[in-house]
């Protein structure tokens, strides 16, 4: 509801009030502050404006990762399609590369298409309003099949995590009349940790487009109405956010998540465990990864064995989330879970 006084609704109104000819509008904030939700709500608002003003609205929504692009469909646009207070019919399309995989959610398979097929079908249907969801690099497939200025709005998510050339790719579809909105968090894993070449770093490829623009906007008083900082976290425990806020966000973050009942073996929501590998260890990386995975799984098993059913309800291992920095470590953990009966209780 864009008429509500909440920070998200205020941000939508601020974004909508900026002229299309302005520089990109920036949405920044840590994980869990609702950046993706805000982009989806803004898309909804643009479509409402187009519907009631009888103007064509063609929105391109791009994310860095395939899973993030799927999330727009699974958690936002599929819901809006059934709940919107205006006609929302056949206007959401998820574009994949010609060799891409269909979403894991079979309920929305019908909205998946390639850029070439989409353009043929769109022209045939004569649909005025459309929302296209894809990834940064897949958006390049549109360059040769749509007219210049086709998209009236381009919204980019995860621009703080992507390399600048990737984020620039969908901007190639914009003109001076296209409204541009970019969201991201420059403190998350991004080009600074992904670009190793000395020459690439010297030429600025270790800085994301979001960070580059943020640095410019910070120096311009006139740019303050072109950005919004989201500080309220909807996802993480207060103490977890306090640590992240102090270490990386200049104490600017706050959590609005109610405090939950702690596990009896972990009264504080953060627990750091050493893998006990000393400096003389000569194990190869594979053995090191497996050792760390087992240390982790032993901790998870300890929490499950002592599951506080009185406070948390029946034991539910599927509610435990394990996050790793690499896909390789995910594979190591899954291999151990599959082969070692010791951890069968974790598999539930």
C-alpha atoms as a PDB file:
ATOM      1  CA  UNK A   1       0.000   0.000   0.000  1.00  0.00           C
ATOM      2  CA  UNK A   2       1.813   3.116  -1.238  1.00  0.00           C
ATOM      3  CA  UNK A   3      -0.478   5.346   0.854  1.00  0.00           C
ATOM      4  CA  UNK A   4       0.810   3.880   4.145  1.00  0.00           C
ATOM      5  CA  UNK A   5       3.363   5.807   6.248  1.00  0.00           C
ATOM      6  CA  UNK A   6       5.917   2.951   6.362  1.00  0.00           C
ATOM      7  CA  UNK A   7       9.481   3.338   5.020  1.00  0.00           C
ATOM      8  CA  UNK A   8       8.851   1.024   2.054  1.00  0.00           C
ATOM      9  CA  UNK A   9       5.770   2.952   0.930  1.00  0.00           C
ATOM     10  CA  UNK A  10       7.595   6.256   1.357  1.00  0.00           C
ATOM     11  CA  UNK A  11      10.445   4.924  -0.768  1.00  0.00           C
ATOM     12  CA  UNK A  12       8.052   3.842  -3.527  1.00  0.00           C
ATOM     13  CA  UNK A  13       6.530   7.311  -3.610  1.00  0.00           C
ATOM     14  CA  UNK A  14       9.981   8.923  -3.701  1.00  0.00           C
ATOM     15  CA  UNK A  15      11.098   6.695  -6.589  1.00  0.00           C
ATOM     16  CA  UNK A  16       7.882   7.341  -8.519  1.00  0.00           C
ATOM     17  CA  UNK A  17       8.201  11.119  -8.046  1.00  0.00           C
ATOM     18  CA  UNK A  18      11.615  11.318  -9.731  1.00  0.00           C
ATOM     19  CA  UNK A  19      11.545  12.247 -13.429  1.00  0.00           C
ATOM     20  CA  UNK A  20      12.477   9.480 -15.827  1.00  0.00           C
ATOM     21  CA  UNK A  21      15.273  11.633 -17.229  1.00  0.00           C
ATOM     22  CA  UNK A  22      17.083  11.710 -13.875  1.00  0.00           C
ATOM     23  CA  UNK A  23      20.172   9.579 -13.123  1.00  0.00           C
ATOM     24  CA  UNK A  24      19.553   6.099 -11.673  1.00  0.00           C
ATOM     25  CA  UNK A  25      17.694   5.996  -8.359  1.00  0.00           C
ATOM     26  CA  UNK A  26      19.769   4.032  -5.817  1.00  0.00           C
ATOM     27  CA  UNK A  27      18.370   1.723  -3.124  1.00  0.00           C
ATOM     28  CA  UNK A  28      21.025   0.611  -0.663  1.00  0.00           C
ATOM     29  CA  UNK A  29      20.891  -1.439   2.517  1.00  0.00           C
ATOM     30  CA  UNK A  30      22.149  -4.597   4.146  1.00  0.00           C
ATOM     31  CA  UNK A  31      20.725  -8.073   3.636  1.00  0.00           C
ATOM     32  CA  UNK A  32      17.173  -8.449   4.914  1.00  0.00           C
ATOM     33  CA  UNK A  33      16.194  -4.786   4.661  1.00  0.00           C
ATOM     34  CA  UNK A  34      13.667  -5.358   1.880  1.00  0.00           C
ATOM     35  CA  UNK A  35      15.505  -4.125  -1.208  1.00  0.00           C
ATOM     36  CA  UNK A  36      14.046  -6.824  -3.465  1.00  0.00           C
ATOM     37  CA  UNK A  37      10.605  -6.344  -1.930  1.00  0.00           C
ATOM     38  CA  UNK A  38      10.875  -2.613  -2.616  1.00  0.00           C
ATOM     39  CA  UNK A  39      11.758  -3.245  -6.274  1.00  0.00           C
ATOM     40  CA  UNK A  40       8.731  -5.535  -6.623  1.00  0.00           C
ATOM     41  CA  UNK A  41       6.456  -3.007  -4.905  1.00  0.00           C
ATOM     42  CA  UNK A  42       7.816  -0.252  -7.149  1.00  0.00           C
ATOM     43  CA  UNK A  43       7.101  -2.370 -10.226  1.00  0.00           C
ATOM     44  CA  UNK A  44       3.559  -2.865  -8.958  1.00  0.00           C
ATOM     45  CA  UNK A  45       3.197   0.902  -8.519  1.00  0.00           C
ATOM     46  CA  UNK A  46       4.474   1.619 -12.041  1.00  0.00           C
ATOM     47  CA  UNK A  47       1.925  -0.807 -13.477  1.00  0.00           C
ATOM     48  CA  UNK A  48      -0.863   0.782 -11.462  1.00  0.00           C
ATOM     49  CA  UNK A  49       0.122   4.191 -12.801  1.00  0.00           C
ATOM     50  CA  UNK A  50       0.121   2.883 -16.350  1.00  0.00           C
ATOM     51  CA  UNK A  51      -3.212   1.120 -15.973  1.00  0.00           C
ATOM     52  CA  UNK A  52      -5.072   4.102 -14.553  1.00  0.00           C
ATOM     53  CA  UNK A  53      -3.411   6.654 -16.850  1.00  0.00           C
ATOM     54  CA  UNK A  54      -3.856   4.442 -19.921  1.00  0.00           C
ATOM     55  CA  UNK A  55      -0.152   4.623 -20.715  1.00  0.00           C
ATOM     56  CA  UNK A  56       1.998   1.686 -21.774  1.00  0.00           C
ATOM     57  CA  UNK A  57       4.337   0.479 -19.036  1.00  0.00           C
ATOM     58  CA  UNK A  58       7.068  -2.006 -19.977  1.00  0.00           C
ATOM     59  CA  UNK A  59       9.311  -2.900 -17.048  1.00  0.00           C
ATOM     60  CA  UNK A  60      12.559  -4.830 -17.220  1.00  0.00           C
ATOM     61  CA  UNK A  61      13.597  -6.337 -13.858  1.00  0.00           C
ATOM     62  CA  UNK A  62      17.092  -7.818 -13.735  1.00  0.00           C
ATOM     63  CA  UNK A  63      19.058  -9.661 -11.062  1.00  0.00           C
ATOM     64  CA  UNK A  64      22.608 -10.930 -10.936  1.00  0.00           C
ATOM     65  CA  UNK A  65      21.741 -14.594 -10.264  1.00  0.00           C
ATOM     66  CA  UNK A  66      19.181 -16.925 -11.833  1.00  0.00           C
ATOM     67  CA  UNK A  67      17.784 -17.864  -8.407  1.00  0.00           C
ATOM     68  CA  UNK A  68      17.242 -14.199  -7.574  1.00  0.00           C
ATOM     69  CA  UNK A  69      15.384 -13.632 -10.833  1.00  0.00           C
ATOM     70  CA  UNK A  70      13.226 -16.673 -10.046  1.00  0.00           C
ATOM     71  CA  UNK A  71      12.504 -15.203  -6.601  1.00  0.00           C
ATOM     72  CA  UNK A  72      10.796 -12.207  -8.211  1.00  0.00           C
ATOM     73  CA  UNK A  73       8.404 -14.634  -9.880  1.00  0.00           C
ATOM     74  CA  UNK A  74       7.925 -17.108  -7.045  1.00  0.00           C
ATOM     75  CA  UNK A  75       7.538 -14.695  -4.132  1.00  0.00           C
ATOM     76  CA  UNK A  76       6.313 -11.422  -5.605  1.00  0.00           C
ATOM     77  CA  UNK A  77       4.876 -11.202  -9.111  1.00  0.00           C
ATOM     78  CA  UNK A  78       2.994 -14.516  -8.982  1.00  0.00           C
ATOM     79  CA  UNK A  79       1.292 -13.263  -5.800  1.00  0.00           C
ATOM     80  CA  UNK A  80       0.523  -9.847  -7.262  1.00  0.00           C
ATOM     81  CA  UNK A  81      -1.005 -11.487 -10.288  1.00  0.00           C
ATOM     82  CA  UNK A  82      -3.702 -12.996  -8.059  1.00  0.00           C
ATOM     83  CA  UNK A  83      -4.097 -10.127  -5.572  1.00  0.00           C
ATOM     84  CA  UNK A  84      -3.742  -6.967  -7.671  1.00  0.00           C
ATOM     85  CA  UNK A  85      -6.686  -4.561  -7.611  1.00  0.00           C
ATOM     86  CA  UNK A  86      -6.510  -3.965 -11.351  1.00  0.00           C
ATOM     87  CA  UNK A  87      -6.283  -6.107 -14.471  1.00  0.00           C
ATOM     88  CA  UNK A  88      -3.062  -8.115 -14.311  1.00  0.00           C
ATOM     89  CA  UNK A  89      -3.235 -10.531 -17.166  1.00  0.00           C
ATOM     90  CA  UNK A  90      -0.461 -12.139 -19.198  1.00  0.00           C
ATOM     91  CA  UNK A  91       2.059  -9.423 -18.417  1.00  0.00           C
ATOM     92  CA  UNK A  92       4.777 -11.276 -16.485  1.00  0.00           C
ATOM     93  CA  UNK A  93       7.471 -13.042 -18.484  1.00  0.00           C
ATOM     94  CA  UNK A  94      10.633 -14.685 -17.161  1.00  0.00           C
ATOM     95  CA  UNK A  95      13.303 -14.588 -19.879  1.00  0.00           C
ATOM     96  CA  UNK A  96      15.967 -17.294 -19.900  1.00  0.00           C
ATOM     97  CA  UNK A  97      18.828 -17.931 -22.279  1.00  0.00           C
ATOM     98  CA  UNK A  98      18.128 -20.381 -25.132  1.00  0.00           C
ATOM     99  CA  UNK A  99      19.956 -23.079 -23.169  1.00  0.00           C
ATOM    100  CA  UNK A 100      18.717 -22.075 -19.705  1.00  0.00           C
ATOM    101  CA  UNK A 101      16.814 -24.171 -17.193  1.00  0.00           C
ATOM    102  CA  UNK A 102      13.165 -23.682 -16.301  1.00  0.00           C
ATOM    103  CA  UNK A 103      12.331 -22.560 -12.762  1.00  0.00           C
ATOM    104  CA  UNK A 104      12.214 -25.189 -10.074  1.00  0.00           C
ATOM    105  CA  UNK A 105       8.630 -24.034  -9.405  1.00  0.00           C
ATOM    106  CA  UNK A 106       6.601 -25.896 -12.012  1.00  0.00           C
ATOM    107  CA  UNK A 107       3.504 -23.805 -11.239  1.00  0.00           C
ATOM    108  CA  UNK A 108       4.983 -20.894 -13.193  1.00  0.00           C
ATOM    109  CA  UNK A 109       6.552 -22.756 -16.103  1.00  0.00           C
ATOM    110  CA  UNK A 110       4.099 -21.113 -18.513  1.00  0.00           C
ATOM    111  CA  UNK A 111       5.673 -17.678 -18.072  1.00  0.00           C
ATOM    112  CA  UNK A 112       9.169 -18.771 -19.147  1.00  0.00           C
ATOM    113  CA  UNK A 113      10.408 -17.867 -22.600  1.00  0.00           C
ATOM    114  CA  UNK A 114      13.448 -16.778 -24.592  1.00  0.00           C
ATOM    115  CA  UNK A 115      13.966 -13.209 -25.761  1.00  0.00           C
ATOM    116  CA  UNK A 116      13.281 -14.012 -29.414  1.00  0.00           C
ATOM    117  CA  UNK A 117      10.077 -15.949 -28.742  1.00  0.00           C
ATOM    118  CA  UNK A 118       8.895 -13.314 -26.284  1.00  0.00           C
ATOM    119  CA  UNK A 119       9.235 -10.513 -28.810  1.00  0.00           C
ATOM    120  CA  UNK A 120       7.276 -12.470 -31.427  1.00  0.00           C
ATOM    121  CA  UNK A 121       4.521 -13.329 -28.947  1.00  0.00           C
ATOM    122  CA  UNK A 122       4.387  -9.826 -27.491  1.00  0.00           C
ATOM    123  CA  UNK A 123       3.964  -8.161 -30.864  1.00  0.00           C
ATOM    124  CA  UNK A 124       1.263 -10.682 -31.795  1.00  0.00           C
ATOM    125  CA  UNK A 125      -0.674 -10.174 -28.532  1.00  0.00           C
ATOM    126  CA  UNK A 126      -0.475  -6.355 -28.734  1.00  0.00           C
ATOM    127  CA  UNK A 127      -0.201  -6.211 -24.934  1.00  0.00           C
ATOM    128  CA  UNK A 128       0.395  -2.672 -23.672  1.00  0.00           C
ATOM    129  CA  UNK A 129       1.876  -3.516 -20.257  1.00  0.00           C
ATOM    130  CA  UNK A 130       4.562  -6.075 -19.518  1.00  0.00           C
ATOM    131  CA  UNK A 131       7.001  -7.067 -16.792  1.00  0.00           C
ATOM    132  CA  UNK A 132      10.088  -8.910 -18.009  1.00  0.00           C
ATOM    133  CA  UNK A 133      12.306 -10.642 -15.451  1.00  0.00           C
ATOM    134  CA  UNK A 134      15.759 -11.926 -16.329  1.00  0.00           C
ATOM    135  CA  UNK A 135      19.442 -11.737 -15.383  1.00  0.00           C
ATOM    136  CA  UNK A 136      21.906  -8.979 -16.274  1.00  0.00           C
ATOM    137  CA  UNK A 137      23.706 -10.906 -18.995  1.00  0.00           C
ATOM    138  CA  UNK A 138      20.607 -12.581 -20.452  1.00  0.00           C
ATOM    139  CA  UNK A 139      19.125  -9.115 -21.021  1.00  0.00           C
ATOM    140  CA  UNK A 140      21.705  -8.659 -23.803  1.00  0.00           C
ATOM    141  CA  UNK A 141      19.627 -11.038 -25.941  1.00  0.00           C
ATOM    142  CA  UNK A 142      17.086  -8.211 -26.315  1.00  0.00           C
ATOM    143  CA  UNK A 143      19.462  -5.820 -28.065  1.00  0.00           C
ATOM    144  CA  UNK A 144      18.866  -7.270 -31.515  1.00  0.00           C
ATOM    145  CA  UNK A 145      15.142  -8.058 -31.200  1.00  0.00           C
ATOM    146  CA  UNK A 146      13.443  -5.023 -29.602  1.00  0.00           C
ATOM    147  CA  UNK A 147      13.286  -1.376 -30.703  1.00  0.00           C
ATOM    148  CA  UNK A 148      15.310   1.289 -28.899  1.00  0.00           C
ATOM    149  CA  UNK A 149      13.459   2.592 -25.868  1.00  0.00           C
ATOM    150  CA  UNK A 150      11.130  -0.413 -25.652  1.00  0.00           C
ATOM    151  CA  UNK A 151      11.348  -0.575 -21.844  1.00  0.00           C
ATOM    152  CA  UNK A 152       9.916   2.409 -19.996  1.00  0.00           C
ATOM    153  CA  UNK A 153      11.435   1.294 -16.669  1.00  0.00           C
ATOM    154  CA  UNK A 154      14.546  -0.770 -15.870  1.00  0.00           C
ATOM    155  CA  UNK A 155      15.052  -2.043 -12.329  1.00  0.00           C
ATOM    156  CA  UNK A 156      18.270  -3.782 -11.267  1.00  0.00           C
ATOM    157  CA  UNK A 157      18.788  -5.894  -8.142  1.00  0.00           C
ATOM    158  CA  UNK A 158      22.091  -7.094  -6.612  1.00  0.00           C
ATOM    159  CA  UNK A 159      24.091  -4.346  -8.304  1.00  0.00           C
ATOM    160  CA  UNK A 160      26.475  -4.203  -5.349  1.00  0.00           C
ATOM    161  CA  UNK A 161      27.428  -7.853  -5.828  1.00  0.00           C
ATOM    162  CA  UNK A 162      28.021  -7.815  -9.574  1.00  0.00           C
ATOM    163  CA  UNK A 163      30.909  -6.579 -11.664  1.00  0.00           C
ATOM    164  CA  UNK A 164      30.278  -3.242 -13.305  1.00  0.00           C
ATOM    165  CA  UNK A 165      30.140  -4.539 -16.918  1.00  0.00           C
ATOM    166  CA  UNK A 166      27.438  -7.020 -15.857  1.00  0.00           C
ATOM    167  CA  UNK A 167      25.284  -4.297 -14.295  1.00  0.00           C
ATOM    168  CA  UNK A 168      25.795  -2.045 -17.324  1.00  0.00           C
ATOM    169  CA  UNK A 169      24.482  -4.748 -19.712  1.00  0.00           C
ATOM    170  CA  UNK A 170      20.741  -4.090 -19.181  1.00  0.00           C
ATOM    171  CA  UNK A 171      21.369  -0.342 -19.165  1.00  0.00           C
ATOM    172  CA  UNK A 172      22.266  -0.680 -22.850  1.00  0.00           C
ATOM    173  CA  UNK A 173      18.500  -1.025 -23.410  1.00  0.00           C
ATOM    174  CA  UNK A 174      17.754   2.363 -21.821  1.00  0.00           C
ATOM    175  CA  UNK A 175      17.307   5.793 -23.364  1.00  0.00           C
ATOM    176  CA  UNK A 176      17.187   9.238 -21.747  1.00  0.00           C
ATOM    177  CA  UNK A 177      13.470   8.668 -21.120  1.00  0.00           C
ATOM    178  CA  UNK A 178      13.844   5.374 -19.252  1.00  0.00           C
ATOM    179  CA  UNK A 179      13.407   5.409 -15.477  1.00  0.00           C
ATOM    180  CA  UNK A 180      16.327   3.550 -13.883  1.00  0.00           C
ATOM    181  CA  UNK A 181      16.332   2.064 -10.386  1.00  0.00           C
ATOM    182  CA  UNK A 182      19.264   0.135  -8.886  1.00  0.00           C
ATOM    183  CA  UNK A 183      19.372  -1.781  -5.607  1.00  0.00           C
ATOM    184  CA  UNK A 184      22.208  -3.490  -3.790  1.00  0.00           C
ATOM    185  CA  UNK A 185      24.600  -3.634  -0.868  1.00  0.00           C
ATOM    186  CA  UNK A 186      28.214  -2.685  -1.467  1.00  0.00           C
ATOM    187  CA  UNK A 187      29.246  -4.374   1.791  1.00  0.00           C
ATOM    188  CA  UNK A 188      28.333  -7.869   0.572  1.00  0.00           C
ATOM    189  CA  UNK A 189      30.622 -10.089  -1.488  1.00  0.00           C
ATOM    190  CA  UNK A 190      31.225  -8.206  -4.703  1.00  0.00           C
ATOM    191  CA  UNK A 191      33.858  -7.195  -7.269  1.00  0.00           C
ATOM    192  CA  UNK A 192      36.414  -6.348  -4.574  1.00  0.00           C
ATOM    193  CA  UNK A 193      36.627 -10.069  -3.767  1.00  0.00           C
ATOM    194  CA  UNK A 194      35.967 -11.350  -7.296  1.00  0.00           C
ATOM    195  CA  UNK A 195      38.408  -9.314  -9.398  1.00  0.00           C
ATOM    196  CA  UNK A 196      42.005 -10.396  -8.806  1.00  0.00           C
ATOM    197  CA  UNK A 197      43.889  -9.131 -11.854  1.00  0.00           C
ATOM    198  CA  UNK A 198      46.143  -6.184 -11.109  1.00  0.00           C
ATOM    199  CA  UNK A 199      45.360  -4.484 -14.406  1.00  0.00           C
ATOM    200  CA  UNK A 200      41.622  -5.005 -13.883  1.00  0.00           C
ATOM    201  CA  UNK A 201      41.857  -3.481 -10.415  1.00  0.00           C
ATOM    202  CA  UNK A 202      43.864  -0.525 -11.697  1.00  0.00           C
ATOM    203  CA  UNK A 203      41.102   0.131 -14.215  1.00  0.00           C
ATOM    204  CA  UNK A 204      38.390   0.077 -11.542  1.00  0.00           C
ATOM    205  CA  UNK A 205      36.753  -3.285 -12.208  1.00  0.00           C
ATOM    206  CA  UNK A 206      36.983  -4.142  -8.521  1.00  0.00           C
ATOM    207  CA  UNK A 207      34.308  -1.518  -7.790  1.00  0.00           C
ATOM    208  CA  UNK A 208      30.630  -2.201  -8.474  1.00  0.00           C
ATOM    209  CA  UNK A 209      28.474   0.251 -10.419  1.00  0.00           C
ATOM    210  CA  UNK A 210      26.383   0.787  -7.288  1.00  0.00           C
ATOM    211  CA  UNK A 211      29.425   1.747  -5.213  1.00  0.00           C
ATOM    212  CA  UNK A 212      30.768   4.015  -7.948  1.00  0.00           C
ATOM    213  CA  UNK A 213      27.477   5.896  -8.223  1.00  0.00           C
ATOM    214  CA  UNK A 214      27.047   6.004  -4.422  1.00  0.00           C
ATOM    215  CA  UNK A 215      30.438   7.685  -4.089  1.00  0.00           C
ATOM    216  CA  UNK A 216      29.420  10.292  -6.663  1.00  0.00           C
ATOM    217  CA  UNK A 217      25.984  10.897  -5.105  1.00  0.00           C
ATOM    218  CA  UNK A 218      27.542  11.392  -1.648  1.00  0.00           C
ATOM    219  CA  UNK A 219      29.370  14.440  -2.979  1.00  0.00           C
ATOM    220  CA  UNK A 220      26.292  16.024  -4.584  1.00  0.00           C
ATOM    221  CA  UNK A 221      23.578  17.646  -2.497  1.00  0.00           C
ATOM    222  CA  UNK A 222      21.250  17.520  -5.492  1.00  0.00           C
ATOM    223  CA  UNK A 223      21.537  13.722  -5.616  1.00  0.00           C
ATOM    224  CA  UNK A 224      20.134  13.105  -2.133  1.00  0.00           C
ATOM    225  CA  UNK A 225      16.613  12.766  -3.515  1.00  0.00           C
ATOM    226  CA  UNK A 226      17.926  10.129  -5.938  1.00  0.00           C
ATOM    227  CA  UNK A 227      18.747   7.539  -3.279  1.00  0.00           C
ATOM    228  CA  UNK A 228      17.317   5.838  -0.228  1.00  0.00           C
ATOM    229  CA  UNK A 229      19.101   3.904   2.524  1.00  0.00           C
ATOM    230  CA  UNK A 230      17.182   1.025   4.130  1.00  0.00           C
ATOM    231  CA  UNK A 231      18.352   0.335   7.687  1.00  0.00           C
ATOM    232  CA  UNK A 232      15.540  -1.703   9.264  1.00  0.00           C
ATOM    233  CA  UNK A 233      16.226  -5.441   9.020  1.00  0.00           C
ATOM    234  CA  UNK A 234      13.261  -7.806   8.713  1.00  0.00           C
ATOM    235  CA  UNK A 235      15.223 -11.061   8.727  1.00  0.00           C
ATOM    236  CA  UNK A 236      17.929 -11.302  11.392  1.00  0.00           C
ATOM    237  CA  UNK A 237      18.018 -11.468  15.186  1.00  0.00           C
ATOM    238  CA  UNK A 238      18.756  -8.191  16.944  1.00  0.00           C
ATOM    239  CA  UNK A 239      22.140  -9.318  18.303  1.00  0.00           C
ATOM    240  CA  UNK A 240      23.263 -10.612  14.899  1.00  0.00           C
ATOM    241  CA  UNK A 241      22.361  -7.284  13.333  1.00  0.00           C
ATOM    242  CA  UNK A 242      24.113  -5.396  16.120  1.00  0.00           C
ATOM    243  CA  UNK A 243      27.376  -7.168  15.306  1.00  0.00           C
ATOM    244  CA  UNK A 244      27.035  -6.627  11.546  1.00  0.00           C
ATOM    245  CA  UNK A 245      26.066  -3.017  12.146  1.00  0.00           C
ATOM    246  CA  UNK A 246      29.117  -2.306  14.304  1.00  0.00           C
ATOM    247  CA  UNK A 247      31.585  -4.132  12.058  1.00  0.00           C
ATOM    248  CA  UNK A 248      30.431  -3.039   8.610  1.00  0.00           C
ATOM    249  CA  UNK A 249      27.607  -0.498   8.622  1.00  0.00           C
ATOM    250  CA  UNK A 250      28.714   2.328  10.963  1.00  0.00           C
ATOM    251  CA  UNK A 251      26.151   1.288  13.586  1.00  0.00           C
ATOM    252  CA  UNK A 252      23.318   2.324  11.255  1.00  0.00           C
ATOM    253  CA  UNK A 253      21.288  -0.917  11.232  1.00  0.00           C
ATOM    254  CA  UNK A 254      18.439  -2.043  13.454  1.00  0.00           C
ATOM    255  CA  UNK A 255      16.395  -5.234  13.650  1.00  0.00           C
ATOM    256  CA  UNK A 256      12.624  -5.229  13.937  1.00  0.00           C
ATOM    257  CA  UNK A 257      12.456  -9.018  14.300  1.00  0.00           C
ATOM    258  CA  UNK A 258      10.984 -10.046  17.684  1.00  0.00           C
ATOM    259  CA  UNK A 259      13.472 -11.822  19.946  1.00  0.00           C
ATOM    260  CA  UNK A 260      12.994 -15.584  19.737  1.00  0.00           C
ATOM    261  CA  UNK A 261      13.464 -18.254  22.407  1.00  0.00           C
ATOM    262  CA  UNK A 262      17.115 -19.288  22.436  1.00  0.00           C
ATOM    263  CA  UNK A 263      18.405 -22.850  22.279  1.00  0.00           C
ATOM    264  CA  UNK A 264      19.564 -23.999  25.748  1.00  0.00           C
ATOM    265  CA  UNK A 265      23.049 -24.726  24.367  1.00  0.00           C
ATOM    266  CA  UNK A 266      23.251 -21.349  22.624  1.00  0.00           C
ATOM    267  CA  UNK A 267      21.817 -18.613  24.848  1.00  0.00           C
ATOM    268  CA  UNK A 268      23.527 -16.019  22.637  1.00  0.00           C
ATOM    269  CA  UNK A 269      22.490 -16.106  18.954  1.00  0.00           C
ATOM    270  CA  UNK A 270      26.103 -16.087  17.687  1.00  0.00           C
ATOM    271  CA  UNK A 271      28.479 -18.984  18.308  1.00  0.00           C
ATOM    272  CA  UNK A 272      31.976 -19.120  16.819  1.00  0.00           C
ATOM    273  CA  UNK A 273      33.626 -22.558  16.600  1.00  0.00           C
ATOM    274  CA  UNK A 274      37.235 -23.193  15.550  1.00  0.00           C
ATOM    275  CA  UNK A 275      37.948 -26.117  13.231  1.00  0.00           C
ATOM    276  CA  UNK A 276      41.119 -26.858  15.266  1.00  0.00           C
ATOM    277  CA  UNK A 277      43.538 -26.894  12.346  1.00  0.00           C
ATOM    278  CA  UNK A 278      46.952 -25.710  13.545  1.00  0.00           C
ATOM    279  CA  UNK A 279      49.696 -24.051  11.510  1.00  0.00           C
ATOM    280  CA  UNK A 280      51.572 -27.339  11.026  1.00  0.00           C
ATOM    281  CA  UNK A 281      48.668 -29.035   9.280  1.00  0.00           C
ATOM    282  CA  UNK A 282      49.633 -30.168   5.793  1.00  0.00           C
ATOM    283  CA  UNK A 283      46.273 -31.575   4.701  1.00  0.00           C
ATOM    284  CA  UNK A 284      45.202 -30.855   1.171  1.00  0.00           C
ATOM    285  CA  UNK A 285      42.263 -28.520   0.662  1.00  0.00           C
ATOM    286  CA  UNK A 286      39.817 -31.376   0.188  1.00  0.00           C
ATOM    287  CA  UNK A 287      40.631 -32.787   3.628  1.00  0.00           C
ATOM    288  CA  UNK A 288      40.489 -29.316   5.165  1.00  0.00           C
ATOM    289  CA  UNK A 289      37.051 -28.677   3.680  1.00  0.00           C
ATOM    290  CA  UNK A 290      35.799 -32.025   4.987  1.00  0.00           C
ATOM    291  CA  UNK A 291      37.177 -31.358   8.461  1.00  0.00           C
ATOM    292  CA  UNK A 292      35.402 -28.007   8.609  1.00  0.00           C
ATOM    293  CA  UNK A 293      32.190 -29.571   7.321  1.00  0.00           C
ATOM    294  CA  UNK A 294      32.267 -32.225  10.043  1.00  0.00           C
ATOM    295  CA  UNK A 295      32.912 -29.615  12.734  1.00  0.00           C
ATOM    296  CA  UNK A 296      29.862 -27.755  11.455  1.00  0.00           C
ATOM    297  CA  UNK A 297      27.654 -30.853  11.261  1.00  0.00           C
ATOM    298  CA  UNK A 298      28.673 -31.910  14.771  1.00  0.00           C
ATOM    299  CA  UNK A 299      27.419 -28.567  16.043  1.00  0.00           C
ATOM    300  CA  UNK A 300      24.158 -28.892  14.112  1.00  0.00           C
ATOM    301  CA  UNK A 301      23.698 -32.440  15.442  1.00  0.00           C
ATOM    302  CA  UNK A 302      24.267 -31.209  19.008  1.00  0.00           C
ATOM    303  CA  UNK A 303      21.536 -28.617  18.640  1.00  0.00           C
ATOM    304  CA  UNK A 304      19.100 -31.122  17.120  1.00  0.00           C
ATOM    305  CA  UNK A 305      19.733 -33.774  19.780  1.00  0.00           C
ATOM    306  CA  UNK A 306      18.918 -31.196  22.459  1.00  0.00           C
ATOM    307  CA  UNK A 307      16.012 -29.687  20.555  1.00  0.00           C
ATOM    308  CA  UNK A 308      13.845 -27.701  23.035  1.00  0.00           C
ATOM    309  CA  UNK A 309      10.482 -29.167  22.065  1.00  0.00           C
ATOM    310  CA  UNK A 310       8.665 -27.372  24.878  1.00  0.00           C
ATOM    311  CA  UNK A 311       9.638 -24.008  23.417  1.00  0.00           C
ATOM    312  CA  UNK A 312      10.126 -24.767  19.717  1.00  0.00           C
ATOM    313  CA  UNK A 313       7.635 -27.552  19.152  1.00  0.00           C
ATOM    314  CA  UNK A 314       8.392 -30.942  17.526  1.00  0.00           C
ATOM    315  CA  UNK A 315      11.913 -31.545  16.264  1.00  0.00           C
ATOM    316  CA  UNK A 316      12.217 -30.168  12.738  1.00  0.00           C
ATOM    317  CA  UNK A 317      15.676 -30.485  11.139  1.00  0.00           C
ATOM    318  CA  UNK A 318      14.361 -28.990   7.889  1.00  0.00           C
ATOM    319  CA  UNK A 319      14.062 -25.634   9.655  1.00  0.00           C
ATOM    320  CA  UNK A 320      17.850 -25.541  10.118  1.00  0.00           C
ATOM    321  CA  UNK A 321      19.624 -23.491   7.454  1.00  0.00           C
ATOM    322  CA  UNK A 322      23.302 -24.040   6.633  1.00  0.00           C
ATOM    323  CA  UNK A 323      25.013 -21.293   4.632  1.00  0.00           C
ATOM    324  CA  UNK A 324      28.463 -21.694   3.101  1.00  0.00           C
ATOM    325  CA  UNK A 325      30.663 -19.241   1.165  1.00  0.00           C
ATOM    326  CA  UNK A 326      31.129 -21.594  -1.813  1.00  0.00           C
ATOM    327  CA  UNK A 327      29.173 -24.190  -3.786  1.00  0.00           C
ATOM    328  CA  UNK A 328      32.067 -26.588  -3.288  1.00  0.00           C
ATOM    329  CA  UNK A 329      31.511 -26.593   0.457  1.00  0.00           C
ATOM    330  CA  UNK A 330      27.818 -27.305  -0.112  1.00  0.00           C
ATOM    331  CA  UNK A 331      28.822 -30.403  -2.079  1.00  0.00           C
ATOM    332  CA  UNK A 332      31.176 -31.523   0.693  1.00  0.00           C
ATOM    333  CA  UNK A 333      28.453 -31.187   3.333  1.00  0.00           C
ATOM    334  CA  UNK A 334      25.902 -33.019   1.208  1.00  0.00           C
ATOM    335  CA  UNK A 335      28.355 -35.854   0.527  1.00  0.00           C
ATOM    336  CA  UNK A 336      28.999 -36.348   4.232  1.00  0.00           C
ATOM    337  CA  UNK A 337      25.293 -36.254   5.042  1.00  0.00           C
ATOM    338  CA  UNK A 338      24.604 -38.852   2.366  1.00  0.00           C
ATOM    339  CA  UNK A 339      27.334 -41.334   3.316  1.00  0.00           C
ATOM    340  CA  UNK A 340      27.753 -40.975   7.088  1.00  0.00           C
ATOM    341  CA  UNK A 341      24.927 -42.519   9.148  1.00  0.00           C
ATOM    342  CA  UNK A 342      26.116 -40.519  12.146  1.00  0.00           C
ATOM    343  CA  UNK A 343      24.298 -37.520  10.702  1.00  0.00           C
ATOM    344  CA  UNK A 344      21.101 -39.284   9.619  1.00  0.00           C
ATOM    345  CA  UNK A 345      19.141 -37.364  12.220  1.00  0.00           C
ATOM    346  CA  UNK A 346      20.081 -34.100  10.531  1.00  0.00           C
ATOM    347  CA  UNK A 347      18.661 -35.301   7.236  1.00  0.00           C
ATOM    348  CA  UNK A 348      15.370 -35.765   9.094  1.00  0.00           C
END
